[in-house]
PDB file of N, CA and C in Angstrom:
ATOM      1  N   MET A   1       0.894  -1.197   0.067  1.00  0.00           N
ATOM      2  CA  MET A   1       0.053   0.198   0.036  1.00  0.00           C
ATOM      3  C   MET A   1       0.988   1.182   0.130  1.00  0.00           C
ATOM      4  N   ALA A   2       0.695   2.200  -1.080  1.00  0.00           N
ATOM      5  CA  ALA A   2       1.385   3.342  -1.131  1.00  0.00           C
ATOM      6  C   ALA A   2       0.755   4.412  -0.342  1.00  0.00           C
ATOM      7  N   TYR A   3       1.488   5.294   0.342  1.00  0.00           N
ATOM      8  CA  TYR A   3       0.937   6.352   1.169  1.00  0.00           C
ATOM      9  C   TYR A   3       1.414   7.536   0.419  1.00  0.00           C
ATOM     10  N   ARG A   4       0.502   8.572   0.423  1.00  0.00           N
ATOM     11  CA  ARG A   4       0.622   9.958  -0.126  1.00  0.00           C
ATOM     12  C   ARG A   4       1.539  10.708   0.799  1.00  0.00           C
ATOM     13  N   ASN A   5       2.455  11.656   0.043  1.00  0.00           N
ATOM     14  CA  ASN A   5       3.079  12.460   0.802  1.00  0.00           C
ATOM     15  C   ASN A   5       2.420  13.753   0.928  1.00  0.00           C
ATOM     16  N   THR A   6       2.885  14.825   1.656  1.00  0.00           N
ATOM     17  CA  THR A   6       2.371  16.196   1.785  1.00  0.00           C
ATOM     18  C   THR A   6       2.023  16.642   0.374  1.00  0.00           C
ATOM     19  N   LEU A   7       2.991  16.916  -0.495  1.00  0.00           N
ATOM     20  CA  LEU A   7       2.658  17.455  -1.750  1.00  0.00           C
ATOM     21  C   LEU A   7       1.326  16.877  -2.681  1.00  0.00           C
ATOM     22  N   GLN A   8       1.498  15.269  -2.350  1.00  0.00           N
ATOM     23  CA  GLN A   8       0.344  14.447  -3.150  1.00  0.00           C
ATOM     24  C   GLN A   8      -0.988  15.123  -2.495  1.00  0.00           C
ATOM     25  N   ILE A   9      -1.225  15.178  -1.105  1.00  0.00           N
ATOM     26  CA  ILE A   9      -2.334  15.261  -0.616  1.00  0.00           C
ATOM     27  C   ILE A   9      -2.891  16.829  -1.030  1.00  0.00           C
ATOM     28  N   ILE A  10      -1.949  17.816  -0.934  1.00  0.00           N
ATOM     29  CA  ILE A  10      -2.200  19.089  -1.284  1.00  0.00           C
ATOM     30  C   ILE A  10      -2.610  19.138  -2.790  1.00  0.00           C
ATOM     31  N   GLY A  11      -2.160  18.586  -3.702  1.00  0.00           N
ATOM     32  CA  GLY A  11      -2.319  18.435  -5.041  1.00  0.00           C
ATOM     33  C   GLY A  11      -3.858  17.762  -5.321  1.00  0.00           C
ATOM     34  N   ASP A  12      -3.963  16.697  -4.531  1.00  0.00           N
ATOM     35  CA  ASP A  12      -5.531  15.994  -4.506  1.00  0.00           C
ATOM     36  C   ASP A  12      -6.575  16.990  -4.076  1.00  0.00           C
ATOM     37  N   ILE A  13      -6.224  17.778  -2.946  1.00  0.00           N
ATOM     38  CA  ILE A  13      -7.342  18.786  -2.677  1.00  0.00           C
ATOM     39  C   ILE A  13      -7.597  19.676  -3.695  1.00  0.00           C
ATOM     40  N   LEU A  14      -6.415  20.373  -4.104  1.00  0.00           N
ATOM     41  CA  LEU A  14      -6.532  21.146  -5.053  1.00  0.00           C
ATOM     42  C   LEU A  14      -7.106  20.941  -6.310  1.00  0.00           C
ATOM     43  N   GLU A  15      -6.917  19.753  -6.790  1.00  0.00           N
ATOM     44  CA  GLU A  15      -7.614  19.261  -7.797  1.00  0.00           C
ATOM     45  C   GLU A  15      -9.010  19.239  -7.650  1.00  0.00           C
ATOM     46  N   VAL A  16      -9.606  18.772  -6.657  1.00  0.00           N
ATOM     47  CA  VAL A  16     -10.990  18.623  -6.339  1.00  0.00           C
ATOM     48  C   VAL A  16     -11.623  19.917  -6.262  1.00  0.00           C
ATOM     49  N   ALA A  17     -10.820  20.851  -5.692  1.00  0.00           N
ATOM     50  CA  ALA A  17     -11.549  22.178  -5.691  1.00  0.00           C
ATOM     51  C   ALA A  17     -11.575  22.745  -7.170  1.00  0.00           C
ATOM     52  N   HIS A  18     -10.530  22.496  -7.885  1.00  0.00           N
ATOM     53  CA  HIS A  18     -10.604  23.189  -9.339  1.00  0.00           C
ATOM     54  C   HIS A  18     -11.717  22.303 -10.154  1.00  0.00           C
ATOM     55  N   GLU A  19     -11.960  21.131  -9.872  1.00  0.00           N
ATOM     56  CA  GLU A  19     -13.022  20.379 -10.748  1.00  0.00           C
ATOM     57  C   GLU A  19     -14.310  21.038 -10.175  1.00  0.00           C
ATOM     58  N   HIS A  20     -14.471  21.556  -9.304  1.00  0.00           N
ATOM     59  CA  HIS A  20     -15.798  22.206  -8.795  1.00  0.00           C
ATOM     60  C   HIS A  20     -15.902  23.909  -9.312  1.00  0.00           C
ATOM     61  N   GLY A  21     -14.878  24.240  -9.717  1.00  0.00           N
ATOM     62  CA  GLY A  21     -15.104  25.572 -10.240  1.00  0.00           C
ATOM     63  C   GLY A  21     -15.260  26.660  -9.293  1.00  0.00           C
ATOM     64  N   MET A  22     -15.946  27.867  -9.640  1.00  0.00           N
ATOM     65  CA  MET A  22     -16.232  28.810  -8.698  1.00  0.00           C
ATOM     66  C   MET A  22     -17.188  28.422  -7.599  1.00  0.00           C
ATOM     67  N   GLU A  23     -18.105  27.609  -7.792  1.00  0.00           N
ATOM     68  CA  GLU A  23     -19.069  27.184  -6.734  1.00  0.00           C
ATOM     69  C   GLU A  23     -18.279  26.523  -5.661  1.00  0.00           C
ATOM     70  N   GLY A  24     -17.075  25.859  -5.864  1.00  0.00           N
ATOM     71  CA  GLY A  24     -16.332  25.286  -4.823  1.00  0.00           C
ATOM     72  C   GLY A  24     -16.469  23.868  -4.347  1.00  0.00           C
ATOM     73  N   ALA A  25     -15.854  23.317  -3.655  1.00  0.00           N
ATOM     74  CA  ALA A  25     -16.081  21.918  -3.383  1.00  0.00           C
ATOM     75  C   ALA A  25     -16.527  21.802  -1.668  1.00  0.00           C
ATOM     76  N   ASN A  26     -17.575  21.298  -1.308  1.00  0.00           N
ATOM     77  CA  ASN A  26     -17.713  21.179   0.123  1.00  0.00           C
ATOM     78  C   ASN A  26     -16.814  20.337   0.729  1.00  0.00           C
ATOM     79  N   ALA A  27     -17.196  20.171   2.023  1.00  0.00           N
ATOM     80  CA  ALA A  27     -16.230  19.150   2.947  1.00  0.00           C
ATOM     81  C   ALA A  27     -16.492  17.863   2.579  1.00  0.00           C
ATOM     82  N   SER A  28     -17.529  17.524   2.328  1.00  0.00           N
ATOM     83  CA  SER A  28     -17.818  16.190   1.813  1.00  0.00           C
ATOM     84  C   SER A  28     -17.358  15.734   0.447  1.00  0.00           C
ATOM     85  N   ARG A  29     -17.384  16.626  -0.177  1.00  0.00           N
ATOM     86  CA  ARG A  29     -16.763  16.358  -1.667  1.00  0.00           C
ATOM     87  C   ARG A  29     -15.259  16.064  -1.470  1.00  0.00           C
ATOM     88  N   LEU A  30     -14.446  17.175  -0.553  1.00  0.00           N
ATOM     89  CA  LEU A  30     -13.245  17.094  -0.508  1.00  0.00           C
ATOM     90  C   LEU A  30     -12.614  15.812   0.290  1.00  0.00           C
ATOM     91  N   LEU A  31     -13.496  15.406   1.158  1.00  0.00           N
ATOM     92  CA  LEU A  31     -13.085  14.129   2.127  1.00  0.00           C
ATOM     93  C   LEU A  31     -13.185  13.094   1.189  1.00  0.00           C
ATOM     94  N   THR A  32     -14.249  12.994   0.390  1.00  0.00           N
ATOM     95  CA  THR A  32     -14.595  11.667  -0.536  1.00  0.00           C
ATOM     96  C   THR A  32     -13.577  11.560  -1.602  1.00  0.00           C
ATOM     97  N   LYS A  33     -13.468  12.650  -2.283  1.00  0.00           N
ATOM     98  CA  LYS A  33     -12.773  12.591  -3.610  1.00  0.00           C
ATOM     99  C   LYS A  33     -11.180  12.562  -3.406  1.00  0.00           C
ATOM    100  N   ALA A  34     -10.692  13.361  -2.373  1.00  0.00           N
ATOM    101  CA  ALA A  34      -9.395  13.367  -1.902  1.00  0.00           C
ATOM    102  C   ALA A  34      -9.000  12.331  -1.228  1.00  0.00           C
ATOM    103  N   ASN A  35     -10.003  11.544  -0.641  1.00  0.00           N
ATOM    104  CA  ASN A  35      -9.750  10.258   0.277  1.00  0.00           C
ATOM    105  C   ASN A  35      -8.929  10.685   1.522  1.00  0.00           C
ATOM    106  N   LEU A  36      -9.617  11.714   2.207  1.00  0.00           N
ATOM    107  CA  LEU A  36      -8.991  12.055   3.287  1.00  0.00           C
ATOM    108  C   LEU A  36      -9.803  11.788   4.885  1.00  0.00           C
ATOM    109  N   SER A  37      -9.172  11.736   5.672  1.00  0.00           N
ATOM    110  CA  SER A  37      -9.878  11.457   7.053  1.00  0.00           C
ATOM    111  C   SER A  37     -10.225  13.085   7.438  1.00  0.00           C
ATOM    112  N   TYR A  38     -11.303  13.074   8.491  1.00  0.00           N
ATOM    113  CA  TYR A  38     -11.785  14.478   8.708  1.00  0.00           C
ATOM    114  C   TYR A  38     -10.652  15.413   9.380  1.00  0.00           C
ATOM    115  N   LYS A  39      -9.650  14.643  10.424  1.00  0.00           N
ATOM    116  CA  LYS A  39      -8.565  15.310  10.845  1.00  0.00           C
ATOM    117  C   LYS A  39      -7.645  15.710   9.929  1.00  0.00           C
ATOM    118  N   THR A  40      -7.336  14.927   8.945  1.00  0.00           N
ATOM    119  CA  THR A  40      -6.340  15.185   7.900  1.00  0.00           C
ATOM    120  C   THR A  40      -6.739  16.496   7.056  1.00  0.00           C
ATOM    121  N   TYR A  41      -8.037  16.417   6.586  1.00  0.00           N
ATOM    122  CA  TYR A  41      -8.872  17.447   5.992  1.00  0.00           C
ATOM    123  C   TYR A  41      -8.849  18.908   6.574  1.00  0.00           C
ATOM    124  N   GLN A  42      -9.316  18.906   7.818  1.00  0.00           N
ATOM    125  CA  GLN A  42      -8.996  20.160   8.776  1.00  0.00           C
ATOM    126  C   GLN A  42      -7.710  20.625   8.843  1.00  0.00           C
ATOM    127  N   GLY A  43      -6.636  19.797   9.111  1.00  0.00           N
ATOM    128  CA  GLY A  43      -5.242  20.410   8.921  1.00  0.00           C
ATOM    129  C   GLY A  43      -5.003  21.132   7.638  1.00  0.00           C
ATOM    130  N   PHE A  44      -5.144  20.284   6.570  1.00  0.00           N
ATOM    131  CA  PHE A  44      -4.685  20.841   5.254  1.00  0.00           C
ATOM    132  C   PHE A  44      -5.396  21.749   4.582  1.00  0.00           C
ATOM    133  N   VAL A  45      -6.699  21.987   4.884  1.00  0.00           N
ATOM    134  CA  VAL A  45      -7.725  23.061   4.220  1.00  0.00           C
ATOM    135  C   VAL A  45      -7.318  24.431   5.169  1.00  0.00           C
ATOM    136  N   GLY A  46      -7.262  24.312   6.347  1.00  0.00           N
ATOM    137  CA  GLY A  46      -6.662  25.393   7.071  1.00  0.00           C
ATOM    138  C   GLY A  46      -5.346  26.143   6.548  1.00  0.00           C
ATOM    139  N   LYS A  47      -4.406  25.039   6.306  1.00  0.00           N
ATOM    140  CA  LYS A  47      -3.136  25.610   5.743  1.00  0.00           C
ATOM    141  C   LYS A  47      -3.086  26.234   4.280  1.00  0.00           C
ATOM    142  N   LEU A  48      -4.131  25.729   3.600  1.00  0.00           N
ATOM    143  CA  LEU A  48      -4.307  26.217   2.277  1.00  0.00           C
ATOM    144  C   LEU A  48      -5.195  27.397   2.162  1.00  0.00           C
ATOM    145  N   LEU A  49      -5.831  27.635   3.190  1.00  0.00           N
ATOM    146  CA  LEU A  49      -6.733  29.034   3.190  1.00  0.00           C
ATOM    147  C   LEU A  49      -5.845  29.789   3.827  1.00  0.00           C
ATOM    148  N   GLN A  50      -4.789  29.626   4.806  1.00  0.00           N
ATOM    149  CA  GLN A  50      -3.896  30.617   5.180  1.00  0.00           C
ATOM    150  C   GLN A  50      -2.999  30.950   4.336  1.00  0.00           C
ATOM    151  N   SER A  51      -2.550  30.237   3.356  1.00  0.00           N
ATOM    152  CA  SER A  51      -1.390  30.211   2.183  1.00  0.00           C
ATOM    153  C   SER A  51      -2.151  31.147   0.942  1.00  0.00           C
ATOM    154  N   GLY A  52      -3.370  31.192   1.055  1.00  0.00           N
ATOM    155  CA  GLY A  52      -3.907  31.971  -0.066  1.00  0.00           C
ATOM    156  C   GLY A  52      -4.238  30.975  -1.411  1.00  0.00           C
ATOM    157  N   LEU A  53      -4.170  29.587  -1.168  1.00  0.00           N
ATOM    158  CA  LEU A  53      -4.327  28.811  -2.237  1.00  0.00           C
ATOM    159  C   LEU A  53      -5.794  28.283  -2.681  1.00  0.00           C
ATOM    160  N   LEU A  54      -6.495  28.345  -1.338  1.00  0.00           N
ATOM    161  CA  LEU A  54      -7.947  28.102  -1.427  1.00  0.00           C
ATOM    162  C   LEU A  54      -8.787  29.328  -0.818  1.00  0.00           C
ATOM    163  N   ASN A  55     -10.057  29.471  -1.195  1.00  0.00           N
ATOM    164  CA  ASN A  55     -10.831  30.640  -0.836  1.00  0.00           C
ATOM    165  C   ASN A  55     -12.088  30.055  -0.349  1.00  0.00           C
ATOM    166  N   THR A  56     -12.594  30.431   0.806  1.00  0.00           N
ATOM    167  CA  THR A  56     -14.069  29.911   1.251  1.00  0.00           C
ATOM    168  C   THR A  56     -15.150  30.758   0.380  1.00  0.00           C
ATOM    169  N   VAL A  57     -15.992  29.809   0.027  1.00  0.00           N
ATOM    170  CA  VAL A  57     -17.166  30.336  -0.818  1.00  0.00           C
ATOM    171  C   VAL A  57     -18.409  30.347   0.280  1.00  0.00           C
ATOM    172  N   GLN A  58     -19.175  31.201   0.386  1.00  0.00           N
ATOM    173  CA  GLN A  58     -20.324  31.354   1.193  1.00  0.00           C
ATOM    174  C   GLN A  58     -19.833  30.944   2.590  1.00  0.00           C
ATOM    175  N   PRO A  59     -18.860  31.676   3.259  1.00  0.00           N
ATOM    176  CA  PRO A  59     -18.358  31.420   4.726  1.00  0.00           C
ATOM    177  C   PRO A  59     -19.334  31.360   5.564  1.00  0.00           C
ATOM    178  N   ASP A  60     -20.452  32.051   5.510  1.00  0.00           N
ATOM    179  CA  ASP A  60     -21.445  32.081   6.691  1.00  0.00           C
ATOM    180  C   ASP A  60     -22.670  31.177   6.553  1.00  0.00           C
ATOM    181  N   SER A  61     -22.591  30.462   5.583  1.00  0.00           N
ATOM    182  CA  SER A  61     -23.666  29.318   5.250  1.00  0.00           C
ATOM    183  C   SER A  61     -23.150  28.083   5.621  1.00  0.00           C
ATOM    184  N   GLU A  62     -24.293  27.189   5.843  1.00  0.00           N
ATOM    185  CA  GLU A  62     -24.012  25.571   6.216  1.00  0.00           C
ATOM    186  C   GLU A  62     -23.386  25.328   5.074  1.00  0.00           C
ATOM    187  N   ASN A  63     -23.572  25.788   3.875  1.00  0.00           N
ATOM    188  CA  ASN A  63     -23.244  25.277   2.585  1.00  0.00           C
ATOM    189  C   ASN A  63     -21.721  25.509   2.129  1.00  0.00           C
ATOM    190  N   ARG A  64     -21.010  25.965   3.159  1.00  0.00           N
ATOM    191  CA  ARG A  64     -19.452  26.526   2.906  1.00  0.00           C
ATOM    192  C   ARG A  64     -18.622  25.623   2.104  1.00  0.00           C
ATOM    193  N   ALA A  65     -18.158  26.175   1.074  1.00  0.00           N
ATOM    194  CA  ALA A  65     -17.276  25.421   0.023  1.00  0.00           C
ATOM    195  C   ALA A  65     -15.832  26.013  -0.156  1.00  0.00           C
ATOM    196  N   TYR A  66     -15.033  25.372  -0.695  1.00  0.00           N
ATOM    197  CA  TYR A  66     -13.804  26.040  -1.060  1.00  0.00           C
ATOM    198  C   TYR A  66     -13.473  25.933  -2.613  1.00  0.00           C
ATOM    199  N   ALA A  67     -12.866  27.145  -2.962  1.00  0.00           N
ATOM    200  CA  ALA A  67     -12.722  27.177  -4.284  1.00  0.00           C
ATOM    201  C   ALA A  67     -11.042  27.542  -4.583  1.00  0.00           C
ATOM    202  N   LEU A  68     -10.614  27.387  -5.477  1.00  0.00           N
ATOM    203  CA  LEU A  68      -9.325  27.492  -5.926  1.00  0.00           C
ATOM    204  C   LEU A  68      -9.076  28.978  -6.146  1.00  0.00           C
ATOM    205  N   THR A  69      -8.120  29.613  -5.575  1.00  0.00           N
ATOM    206  CA  THR A  69      -7.708  31.116  -6.124  1.00  0.00           C
ATOM    207  C   THR A  69      -6.757  30.987  -7.181  1.00  0.00           C
ATOM    208  N   GLU A  70      -6.377  32.223  -7.704  1.00  0.00           N
ATOM    209  CA  GLU A  70      -5.524  32.071  -8.767  1.00  0.00           C
ATOM    210  C   GLU A  70      -4.086  31.685  -8.498  1.00  0.00           C
ATOM    211  N   LYS A  71      -3.633  31.981  -7.203  1.00  0.00           N
ATOM    212  CA  LYS A  71      -2.548  31.584  -6.863  1.00  0.00           C
ATOM    213  C   LYS A  71      -2.593  29.888  -6.574  1.00  0.00           C
ATOM    214  N   GLY A  72      -3.694  29.258  -6.332  1.00  0.00           N
ATOM    215  CA  GLY A  72      -3.875  27.863  -6.287  1.00  0.00           C
ATOM    216  C   GLY A  72      -3.814  27.381  -7.641  1.00  0.00           C
ATOM    217  N   ARG A  73      -4.399  28.037  -8.516  1.00  0.00           N
ATOM    218  CA  ARG A  73      -4.416  27.411  -9.915  1.00  0.00           C
ATOM    219  C   ARG A  73      -2.785  27.353 -10.436  1.00  0.00           C
ATOM    220  N   ILE A  74      -2.053  28.469 -10.048  1.00  0.00           N
ATOM    221  CA  ILE A  74      -0.747  28.505 -10.431  1.00  0.00           C
ATOM    222  C   ILE A  74      -0.051  27.397  -9.899  1.00  0.00           C
ATOM    223  N   TYR A  75      -0.137  27.067  -8.453  1.00  0.00           N
ATOM    224  CA  TYR A  75       0.645  26.160  -7.906  1.00  0.00           C
ATOM    225  C   TYR A  75       0.062  24.702  -8.374  1.00  0.00           C
ATOM    226  N   LEU A  76      -1.186  24.440  -8.677  1.00  0.00           N
ATOM    227  CA  LEU A  76      -1.667  23.074  -9.206  1.00  0.00           C
ATOM    228  C   LEU A  76      -0.971  22.836 -10.642  1.00  0.00           C
ATOM    229  N   SER A  77      -0.896  23.967 -11.408  1.00  0.00           N
ATOM    230  CA  SER A  77      -0.353  23.803 -12.828  1.00  0.00           C
ATOM    231  C   SER A  77       1.239  23.233 -12.632  1.00  0.00           C
ATOM    232  N   LYS A  78       1.956  23.917 -11.613  1.00  0.00           N
ATOM    233  CA  LYS A  78       3.463  23.675 -11.458  1.00  0.00           C
ATOM    234  C   LYS A  78       3.634  22.312 -10.959  1.00  0.00           C
ATOM    235  N   TYR A  79       2.727  21.875  -9.930  1.00  0.00           N
ATOM    236  CA  TYR A  79       2.620  20.638  -9.433  1.00  0.00           C
ATOM    237  C   TYR A  79       2.440  19.696 -10.331  1.00  0.00           C
ATOM    238  N   GLU A  80       1.358  19.609 -11.121  1.00  0.00           N
ATOM    239  CA  GLU A  80       1.002  18.828 -12.156  1.00  0.00           C
ATOM    240  C   GLU A  80       2.339  18.685 -13.080  1.00  0.00           C
ATOM    241  N   GLU A  81       2.947  19.746 -13.412  1.00  0.00           N
ATOM    242  CA  GLU A  81       4.253  19.692 -14.206  1.00  0.00           C
ATOM    243  C   GLU A  81       5.321  18.789 -13.567  1.00  0.00           C
ATOM    244  N   PHE A  82       5.468  19.176 -12.431  1.00  0.00           N
ATOM    245  CA  PHE A  82       6.560  18.440 -11.395  1.00  0.00           C
ATOM    246  C   PHE A  82       6.290  16.939 -11.398  1.00  0.00           C
ATOM    247  N   GLU A  83       4.860  16.556 -11.446  1.00  0.00           N
ATOM    248  CA  GLU A  83       4.590  15.318 -11.023  1.00  0.00           C
ATOM    249  C   GLU A  83       4.898  14.569 -12.278  1.00  0.00           C
ATOM    250  N   SER A  84       4.512  15.114 -13.513  1.00  0.00           N
ATOM    251  CA  SER A  84       4.707  14.495 -14.802  1.00  0.00           C
ATOM    252  C   SER A  84       6.037  14.061 -15.032  1.00  0.00           C
ATOM    253  N   MET A  85       6.976  15.124 -14.875  1.00  0.00           N
ATOM    254  CA  MET A  85       8.218  14.987 -14.960  1.00  0.00           C
ATOM    255  C   MET A  85       8.923  13.779 -13.932  1.00  0.00           C
ATOM    256  N   ALA A  86       8.570  14.077 -12.867  1.00  0.00           N
ATOM    257  CA  ALA A  86       9.083  12.870 -11.918  1.00  0.00           C
ATOM    258  C   ALA A  86       8.648  11.656 -12.227  1.00  0.00           C
ATOM    259  N   SER A  87       7.161  11.387 -12.589  1.00  0.00           N
ATOM    260  CA  SER A  87       6.880  10.180 -12.967  1.00  0.00           C
ATOM    261  C   SER A  87       7.703   9.784 -14.341  1.00  0.00           C
ATOM    262  N   SER A  88       7.768  10.405 -15.198  1.00  0.00           N
ATOM    263  CA  SER A  88       8.588   9.892 -16.269  1.00  0.00           C
ATOM    264  C   SER A  88      10.037   9.518 -16.129  1.00  0.00           C
ATOM    265  N   LEU A  89      10.560  10.073 -14.921  1.00  0.00           N
ATOM    266  CA  LEU A  89      11.957   9.588 -14.539  1.00  0.00           C
ATOM    267  C   LEU A  89      11.724   8.648 -13.617  1.00  0.00           C
ATOM    268  N   GLY A  90      10.723   8.055 -13.251  1.00  0.00           N
ATOM    269  CA  GLY A  90      10.502   6.874 -12.261  1.00  0.00           C
ATOM    270  C   GLY A  90      10.762   7.344 -10.909  1.00  0.00           C
ATOM    271  N   LEU A  91      10.686   8.694 -10.454  1.00  0.00           N
ATOM    272  CA  LEU A  91      11.003   9.159  -9.236  1.00  0.00           C
ATOM    273  C   LEU A  91       9.680   9.196  -8.505  1.00  0.00           C
ATOM    274  N   PHE A  92       8.565   9.383  -8.988  1.00  0.00           N
ATOM    275  CA  PHE A  92       7.372   9.588  -8.441  1.00  0.00           C
ATOM    276  C   PHE A  92       6.416   8.838  -9.086  1.00  0.00           C
ATOM    277  N   THR A  93       5.317   8.052  -8.187  1.00  0.00           N
ATOM    278  CA  THR A  93       4.210   7.318  -8.731  1.00  0.00           C
ATOM    279  C   THR A  93       3.218   8.051  -8.366  1.00  0.00           C
ATOM    280  N   SER A  94       2.159   7.888  -9.307  1.00  0.00           N
ATOM    281  CA  SER A  94       0.831   8.489  -9.059  1.00  0.00           C
ATOM    282  C   SER A  94      -0.051   7.545  -8.247  1.00  0.00           C
TER     283      SER A  94
END
């Protein structure tokens, strides 16, 4: 069983947020699609919000969701380039 590292988890979270566009991904979508425990989700989403990679959509609503910021799009694009290059060299497995 292969475990994901921090970069892979961040990439997975940002990818889910990206897939849901401007409406954002809610907690249950992030938990399910990024395959996270609730504790892991809380820690990573908090860090991604603080770093400006994610933005809260409808923050005062029960339907709170998280959308990718422009900074998050740039990070995700660079991460995908790195992952592709590392995989082609056999250094990184998806």
